[in-house]
Amino acid sequence: MAVPKRKMSRSNTRHRRSSWKATPVALVPVTVDGTTHRVPRRLVRAVRRGLVDPTTTTATARRNP
């Protein structure tokens, strides 16, 4: 396991942490019931199957008939 040789100052620690940036997720257009929604690529199959509602972006519970 890597161990630091010296103590890192609070200023250097915060600068290192603040330099990290998250990249925005690419949205893909998906047509469901005649309306087009833009959703992340990883959710496309779930939206097409009806597992995720693209208007509220929450998972809906599916019941077996």
Protein backbone atom coordinates (compact mmCIF):
# COMPACT_ATOMS: atom_id res chain seq x y z
CA MET A 1 0.00 0.00 0.00
CA ALA A 2 1.29 3.46 -0.87
CA VAL A 3 2.11 5.63 2.13
CA PRO A 4 2.91 9.36 1.88
CA LYS A 5 6.44 10.32 2.89
CA ARG A 6 5.42 13.67 4.38
CA LYS A 7 2.27 15.29 5.71
CA MET A 8 0.31 17.12 3.02
CA SER A 9 -0.91 20.58 4.01
CA ARG A 10 -4.62 21.35 4.14
CA SER A 11 -4.20 23.86 1.29
CA ASN A 12 -2.55 21.31 -1.01
CA THR A 13 -5.14 18.67 -0.15
CA ARG A 14 -8.03 20.97 -1.00
CA HIS A 15 -6.40 22.12 -4.24
CA ARG A 16 -5.90 18.52 -5.30
CA ARG A 17 -9.51 17.64 -4.51
CA SER A 18 -10.95 20.71 -6.22
CA SER A 19 -9.13 20.03 -9.48
CA TRP A 20 -11.27 16.93 -10.11
CA LYS A 21 -14.20 17.64 -12.43
CA ALA A 22 -17.10 15.38 -13.32
CA THR A 23 -17.99 15.14 -16.98
CA PRO A 24 -21.66 15.58 -17.93
CA VAL A 25 -23.52 12.49 -19.09
CA ALA A 26 -24.30 12.33 -22.80
CA LEU A 27 -28.06 12.21 -23.38
CA VAL A 28 -29.57 10.09 -26.15
CA PRO A 29 -32.98 10.82 -27.69
CA VAL A 30 -35.49 7.99 -27.14
CA THR A 31 -39.04 7.88 -28.51
CA VAL A 32 -41.61 6.33 -26.17
CA ASP A 33 -45.34 6.42 -27.00
CA GLY A 34 -44.78 9.08 -29.66
CA THR A 35 -42.90 11.49 -27.40
CA THR A 36 -39.15 11.99 -27.55
CA HIS A 37 -37.17 12.08 -24.31
CA ARG A 38 -33.46 12.59 -23.75
CA VAL A 39 -32.04 10.04 -21.33
CA PRO A 40 -28.56 8.74 -20.46
CA ARG A 41 -27.37 5.89 -22.68
CA ARG A 42 -27.30 3.40 -19.82
CA LEU A 43 -31.05 3.95 -19.20
CA VAL A 44 -32.23 3.61 -22.82
CA ARG A 45 -33.17 -0.07 -22.56
CA ALA A 46 -34.95 0.44 -19.24
CA VAL A 47 -36.98 3.34 -20.66
CA ARG A 48 -37.98 1.33 -23.73
CA ARG A 49 -39.07 -1.61 -21.56
CA GLY A 50 -41.10 0.66 -19.29
CA LEU A 51 -38.99 0.08 -16.18
CA VAL A 52 -38.06 3.76 -15.86
CA ASP A 53 -40.42 6.69 -16.42
CA PRO A 54 -38.45 9.31 -18.40
CA THR A 55 -40.73 12.18 -17.33
CA THR A 56 -40.00 11.77 -13.62
CA THR A 57 -36.70 9.87 -13.93
CA THR A 58 -37.67 7.50 -11.14
CA ALA A 59 -37.82 3.74 -11.26
CA THR A 60 -41.34 2.37 -11.26
CA ALA A 61 -42.21 -0.93 -9.66
CA ARG A 62 -43.38 -3.49 -12.18
CA ARG A 63 -46.01 -6.00 -11.15
CA ASN A 64 -46.42 -9.41 -12.67
CA PRO A 65 -50.05 -10.00 -13.76
